[in-house]
N, C-alpha and C. Protein backbone atom coordinates (compact mmCIF):
# COMPACT_ATOMS: atom_id res chain seq x y z
N GLY A 1 -90.55 12.04 -61.50
CA GLY A 1 -89.43 12.48 -60.70
C GLY A 1 -88.78 11.43 -59.85
N GLU A 2 -88.91 10.14 -60.17
CA GLU A 2 -88.27 9.16 -59.32
C GLU A 2 -86.74 9.16 -59.45
N GLY A 3 -86.25 9.40 -60.66
CA GLY A 3 -84.81 9.42 -60.88
C GLY A 3 -84.14 10.46 -60.01
N GLY A 4 -84.76 11.67 -59.93
CA GLY A 4 -84.21 12.74 -59.12
C GLY A 4 -84.19 12.36 -57.65
N GLY A 5 -85.25 11.67 -57.18
CA GLY A 5 -85.31 11.24 -55.79
C GLY A 5 -84.18 10.28 -55.47
N GLY A 6 -83.88 9.38 -56.39
CA GLY A 6 -82.80 8.43 -56.20
C GLY A 6 -81.46 9.13 -56.06
N GLY A 7 -81.25 10.18 -56.87
CA GLY A 7 -80.00 10.94 -56.82
C GLY A 7 -79.84 11.63 -55.47
N ALA A 8 -80.90 12.21 -54.95
CA ALA A 8 -80.85 12.90 -53.65
C ALA A 8 -80.52 11.91 -52.54
N ALA A 9 -81.12 10.71 -52.62
CA ALA A 9 -80.83 9.67 -51.61
C ALA A 9 -79.37 9.27 -51.67
N ALA A 10 -78.83 9.13 -52.88
CA ALA A 10 -77.42 8.75 -53.03
C ALA A 10 -76.52 9.84 -52.45
N ASP A 11 -76.86 11.12 -52.70
CA ASP A 11 -76.09 12.23 -52.13
C ASP A 11 -76.11 12.16 -50.60
N GLU A 12 -77.31 11.91 -50.06
CA GLU A 12 -77.46 11.82 -48.60
C GLU A 12 -76.61 10.67 -48.05
N ASP A 13 -76.65 9.50 -48.72
CA ASP A 13 -75.82 8.36 -48.29
C ASP A 13 -74.34 8.74 -48.26
N ARG A 14 -73.92 9.43 -49.32
CA ARG A 14 -72.50 9.81 -49.41
C ARG A 14 -72.13 10.77 -48.26
N ARG A 15 -73.05 11.73 -48.01
CA ARG A 15 -72.79 12.68 -46.90
C ARG A 15 -72.69 11.93 -45.56
N VAL A 16 -73.58 10.98 -45.33
CA VAL A 16 -73.57 10.19 -44.09
C VAL A 16 -72.25 9.42 -43.99
N GLN A 17 -71.85 8.80 -45.09
CA GLN A 17 -70.58 8.04 -45.08
C GLN A 17 -69.38 8.95 -44.80
N GLU A 18 -69.37 10.12 -45.46
CA GLU A 18 -68.26 11.05 -45.24
C GLU A 18 -68.23 11.51 -43.78
N ARG A 19 -69.45 11.82 -43.25
CA ARG A 19 -69.52 12.28 -41.87
C ARG A 19 -69.02 11.17 -40.92
N SER A 20 -69.47 9.94 -41.14
CA SER A 20 -69.06 8.85 -40.25
C SER A 20 -67.56 8.58 -40.41
N ALA A 21 -67.05 8.73 -41.62
CA ALA A 21 -65.61 8.52 -41.83
C ALA A 21 -64.81 9.59 -41.07
N SER A 22 -65.25 10.85 -41.14
CA SER A 22 -64.50 11.91 -40.45
C SER A 22 -64.66 11.76 -38.94
N GLU A 23 -65.85 11.30 -38.48
CA GLU A 23 -66.03 11.06 -37.04
C GLU A 23 -65.13 9.92 -36.57
N GLU A 24 -65.02 8.87 -37.38
CA GLU A 24 -64.13 7.76 -37.04
C GLU A 24 -62.69 8.23 -36.94
N ALA A 25 -62.30 9.07 -37.93
CA ALA A 25 -60.92 9.59 -37.93
C ALA A 25 -60.68 10.42 -36.67
N ALA A 26 -61.67 11.24 -36.31
CA ALA A 26 -61.55 12.08 -35.11
C ALA A 26 -61.47 11.19 -33.86
N ALA A 27 -62.32 10.16 -33.81
CA ALA A 27 -62.32 9.25 -32.67
C ALA A 27 -60.98 8.53 -32.56
N ALA A 28 -60.45 8.10 -33.72
CA ALA A 28 -59.16 7.41 -33.74
C ALA A 28 -58.06 8.35 -33.24
N ALA A 29 -58.11 9.60 -33.70
CA ALA A 29 -57.11 10.58 -33.27
C ALA A 29 -57.20 10.81 -31.76
N ARG A 30 -58.47 10.93 -31.26
CA ARG A 30 -58.67 11.11 -29.82
C ARG A 30 -58.10 9.94 -29.03
N SER A 31 -58.41 8.72 -29.46
CA SER A 31 -57.96 7.56 -28.70
C SER A 31 -56.44 7.43 -28.77
N ARG A 32 -55.85 7.81 -29.91
CA ARG A 32 -54.39 7.79 -30.03
C ARG A 32 -53.77 8.81 -29.06
N ARG A 33 -54.40 9.99 -29.01
CA ARG A 33 -53.92 11.04 -28.11
C ARG A 33 -54.02 10.56 -26.65
N TRP A 34 -55.13 9.93 -26.29
CA TRP A 34 -55.29 9.41 -24.93
C TRP A 34 -54.23 8.38 -24.61
N ARG A 35 -53.99 7.47 -25.58
CA ARG A 35 -52.96 6.44 -25.36
C ARG A 35 -51.59 7.07 -25.15
N GLU A 36 -51.29 8.08 -25.98
CA GLU A 36 -49.98 8.76 -25.85
C GLU A 36 -49.87 9.46 -24.49
N GLU A 37 -50.97 10.14 -24.09
CA GLU A 37 -50.95 10.83 -22.80
C GLU A 37 -50.80 9.82 -21.66
N ALA A 38 -51.50 8.68 -21.77
CA ALA A 38 -51.41 7.65 -20.74
C ALA A 38 -49.99 7.10 -20.68
N ALA A 39 -49.39 6.88 -21.85
CA ALA A 39 -48.02 6.36 -21.91
C ALA A 39 -47.06 7.37 -21.28
N THR A 40 -47.27 8.65 -21.57
CA THR A 40 -46.43 9.71 -21.01
C THR A 40 -46.56 9.74 -19.48
N ARG A 41 -47.83 9.67 -19.00
CA ARG A 41 -48.05 9.65 -17.55
C ARG A 41 -47.37 8.44 -16.92
N GLU A 42 -47.50 7.29 -17.58
CA GLU A 42 -46.91 6.05 -17.05
C GLU A 42 -45.39 6.17 -16.98
N LYS A 43 -44.79 6.74 -18.04
CA LYS A 43 -43.33 6.94 -18.05
C LYS A 43 -42.92 7.87 -16.91
N ALA A 44 -43.68 8.94 -16.73
CA ALA A 44 -43.37 9.91 -15.67
C ALA A 44 -43.47 9.23 -14.30
N ARG A 45 -44.53 8.40 -14.15
CA ARG A 45 -44.73 7.71 -12.87
C ARG A 45 -43.58 6.74 -12.61
N ALA A 46 -43.19 6.00 -13.65
CA ALA A 46 -42.08 5.04 -13.51
C ALA A 46 -40.78 5.78 -13.15
N ALA A 47 -40.56 6.92 -13.80
CA ALA A 47 -39.35 7.71 -13.52
C ALA A 47 -39.37 8.21 -12.08
N ALA A 48 -40.54 8.67 -11.63
CA ALA A 48 -40.67 9.16 -10.25
C ALA A 48 -40.40 8.04 -9.25
N LEU A 49 -40.94 6.85 -9.55
CA LEU A 49 -40.72 5.70 -8.67
C LEU A 49 -39.24 5.34 -8.61
N ARG A 50 -38.59 5.33 -9.80
CA ARG A 50 -37.16 5.02 -9.86
C ARG A 50 -36.38 6.01 -9.02
N LYS A 51 -36.69 7.30 -9.19
CA LYS A 51 -36.00 8.36 -8.45
C LYS A 51 -36.20 8.15 -6.94
N GLU A 52 -37.45 7.83 -6.56
CA GLU A 52 -37.76 7.60 -5.15
C GLU A 52 -36.95 6.43 -4.59
N ARG A 53 -36.90 5.33 -5.39
CA ARG A 53 -36.15 4.15 -4.94
C ARG A 53 -34.67 4.47 -4.77
N VAL A 54 -34.12 5.24 -5.73
CA VAL A 54 -32.70 5.61 -5.65
C VAL A 54 -32.46 6.47 -4.41
N GLN A 55 -33.35 7.46 -4.18
CA GLN A 55 -33.20 8.32 -3.00
C GLN A 55 -33.29 7.49 -1.72
N HIS A 56 -34.25 6.56 -1.71
CA HIS A 56 -34.42 5.72 -0.52
C HIS A 56 -33.16 4.88 -0.28
N ALA A 57 -32.62 4.31 -1.37
CA ALA A 57 -31.40 3.50 -1.25
C ALA A 57 -30.26 4.34 -0.69
N HIS A 58 -30.15 5.60 -1.17
CA HIS A 58 -29.10 6.49 -0.66
C HIS A 58 -29.30 6.76 0.83
N GLU A 59 -30.57 7.01 1.22
CA GLU A 59 -30.85 7.28 2.64
C GLU A 59 -30.49 6.07 3.51
N VAL A 60 -30.90 4.88 3.05
CA VAL A 60 -30.60 3.65 3.80
C VAL A 60 -29.10 3.48 3.93
N LEU A 61 -28.41 3.68 2.81
CA LEU A 61 -26.95 3.55 2.81
C LEU A 61 -26.32 4.53 3.79
N ARG A 62 -26.80 5.78 3.75
CA ARG A 62 -26.26 6.80 4.66
C ARG A 62 -26.52 6.41 6.12
N GLU A 63 -27.74 5.91 6.40
CA GLU A 63 -28.05 5.49 7.77
C GLU A 63 -27.14 4.34 8.20
N HIS A 64 -26.89 3.40 7.29
CA HIS A 64 -26.00 2.27 7.61
C HIS A 64 -24.59 2.80 7.92
N GLU A 65 -24.13 3.73 7.08
CA GLU A 65 -22.79 4.28 7.28
C GLU A 65 -22.70 5.02 8.61
N GLU A 66 -23.75 5.80 8.93
CA GLU A 66 -23.76 6.53 10.20
C GLU A 66 -23.75 5.56 11.38
N GLU A 67 -24.56 4.49 11.26
CA GLU A 67 -24.62 3.49 12.33
C GLU A 67 -23.26 2.81 12.49
N ALA A 68 -22.63 2.46 11.35
CA ALA A 68 -21.31 1.82 11.40
C ALA A 68 -20.30 2.75 12.06
N GLU A 69 -20.40 4.04 11.74
CA GLU A 69 -19.48 5.02 12.33
C GLU A 69 -19.71 5.12 13.84
N ARG A 70 -21.01 5.14 14.25
CA ARG A 70 -21.32 5.18 15.70
C ARG A 70 -20.74 3.96 16.40
N LEU A 71 -20.93 2.77 15.80
CA LEU A 71 -20.40 1.54 16.41
C LEU A 71 -18.88 1.61 16.51
N ARG A 72 -18.25 2.10 15.43
CA ARG A 72 -16.79 2.19 15.41
C ARG A 72 -16.31 3.13 16.53
N LEU A 73 -16.96 4.28 16.64
CA LEU A 73 -16.58 5.24 17.68
C LEU A 73 -16.79 4.65 19.06
N ARG A 74 -17.91 3.89 19.23
CA ARG A 74 -18.16 3.28 20.54
C ARG A 74 -17.07 2.26 20.87
N ARG A 75 -16.68 1.45 19.85
CA ARG A 75 -15.61 0.47 20.08
C ARG A 75 -14.30 1.17 20.44
N VAL A 76 -13.99 2.24 19.71
CA VAL A 76 -12.77 3.00 20.00
C VAL A 76 -12.83 3.53 21.44
N HIS A 77 -14.00 4.06 21.81
CA HIS A 77 -14.18 4.61 23.16
C HIS A 77 -14.03 3.51 24.22
N GLU A 78 -14.70 2.36 23.98
CA GLU A 78 -14.61 1.25 24.94
C GLU A 78 -13.18 0.75 25.05
N GLN A 79 -12.50 0.69 23.90
CA GLN A 79 -11.10 0.25 23.88
C GLN A 79 -10.25 1.21 24.72
N ALA A 80 -10.52 2.51 24.54
CA ALA A 80 -9.76 3.52 25.29
C ALA A 80 -10.02 3.38 26.78
N LEU A 81 -11.31 3.15 27.15
CA LEU A 81 -11.65 2.97 28.57
C LEU A 81 -10.95 1.73 29.14
N ALA A 82 -10.99 0.63 28.35
CA ALA A 82 -10.36 -0.61 28.81
C ALA A 82 -8.86 -0.41 29.00
N THR A 83 -8.23 0.27 28.04
CA THR A 83 -6.80 0.53 28.12
C THR A 83 -6.48 1.39 29.34
N ALA A 84 -7.31 2.41 29.56
CA ALA A 84 -7.11 3.28 30.72
C ALA A 84 -7.25 2.48 32.01
N ALA A 85 -8.25 1.60 32.06
CA ALA A 85 -8.46 0.78 33.25
C ALA A 85 -7.25 -0.12 33.49
N GLU A 86 -6.73 -0.73 32.41
CA GLU A 86 -5.54 -1.58 32.54
C GLU A 86 -4.37 -0.77 33.08
N HIS A 87 -4.20 0.43 32.55
CA HIS A 87 -3.10 1.28 33.01
C HIS A 87 -3.25 1.63 34.49
N ARG A 88 -4.52 1.98 34.86
CA ARG A 88 -4.76 2.30 36.28
C ARG A 88 -4.45 1.09 37.16
N HIS A 89 -4.91 -0.08 36.68
CA HIS A 89 -4.69 -1.31 37.44
C HIS A 89 -3.18 -1.57 37.58
N ALA A 90 -2.49 -1.46 36.46
CA ALA A 90 -1.03 -1.69 36.49
C ALA A 90 -0.36 -0.68 37.41
N ALA A 91 -0.82 0.56 37.37
CA ALA A 91 -0.23 1.60 38.24
C ALA A 91 -0.52 1.27 39.70
N ALA A 92 -1.75 0.80 39.98
CA ALA A 92 -2.13 0.46 41.35
C ALA A 92 -1.28 -0.71 41.85
N VAL A 93 -1.11 -1.72 40.98
CA VAL A 93 -0.28 -2.89 41.35
C VAL A 93 1.14 -2.43 41.63
N ALA A 94 1.65 -1.60 40.74
CA ALA A 94 3.03 -1.11 40.91
C ALA A 94 3.16 -0.30 42.21
N ALA A 95 2.14 0.54 42.46
CA ALA A 95 2.18 1.37 43.67
C ALA A 95 2.14 0.50 44.93
N SER A 96 1.24 -0.49 44.95
CA SER A 96 1.15 -1.33 46.14
C SER A 96 2.43 -2.14 46.32
N GLY A 97 3.03 -2.55 45.21
CA GLY A 97 4.30 -3.28 45.28
C GLY A 97 5.38 -2.42 45.88
N SER A 98 5.47 -1.18 45.48
CA SER A 98 6.53 -0.33 46.01
C SER A 98 6.25 0.05 47.46
N GLN A 99 4.95 0.14 47.83
CA GLN A 99 4.62 0.40 49.24
C GLN A 99 5.05 -0.77 50.10
N ARG A 100 4.79 -2.01 49.61
CA ARG A 100 5.21 -3.21 50.38
C ARG A 100 6.72 -3.19 50.57
N LEU A 101 7.42 -2.84 49.48
CA LEU A 101 8.87 -2.79 49.57
C LEU A 101 9.29 -1.77 50.63
N ALA A 102 8.59 -0.64 50.60
CA ALA A 102 8.94 0.44 51.54
C ALA A 102 8.69 -0.01 52.98
N VAL A 103 7.56 -0.72 53.17
CA VAL A 103 7.24 -1.21 54.54
C VAL A 103 8.29 -2.21 54.97
N LYS A 104 8.63 -3.15 54.06
CA LYS A 104 9.64 -4.16 54.40
C LYS A 104 10.97 -3.52 54.77
N GLY A 105 11.32 -2.51 53.97
CA GLY A 105 12.64 -1.87 54.19
C GLY A 105 12.70 -1.12 55.49
N ALA A 106 11.57 -0.69 56.00
CA ALA A 106 11.57 0.16 57.20
C ALA A 106 12.05 -0.57 58.46
């Protein structure tokens, strides 16, 4: 019965090879799936970062615009105060001038 024993061993070898081949295929499929999932996560993370950067840029821009508007309003206000002061001064000068004239004329 040695011939029969050899045949059984060959069958067993073939089964082992088939099993290892299918396990390799499964492992390859798993690692491919992991790589794809990792790539998907990485893309999502990059997209989230991009979105965050864009939002941040918009916020910074808005803050700059608000600050510029505040400065502009302050300048307008200071200009108005200065103009009002000049007018008051001119009115005071004019008033004192006319009072002097009135005193002289008396």
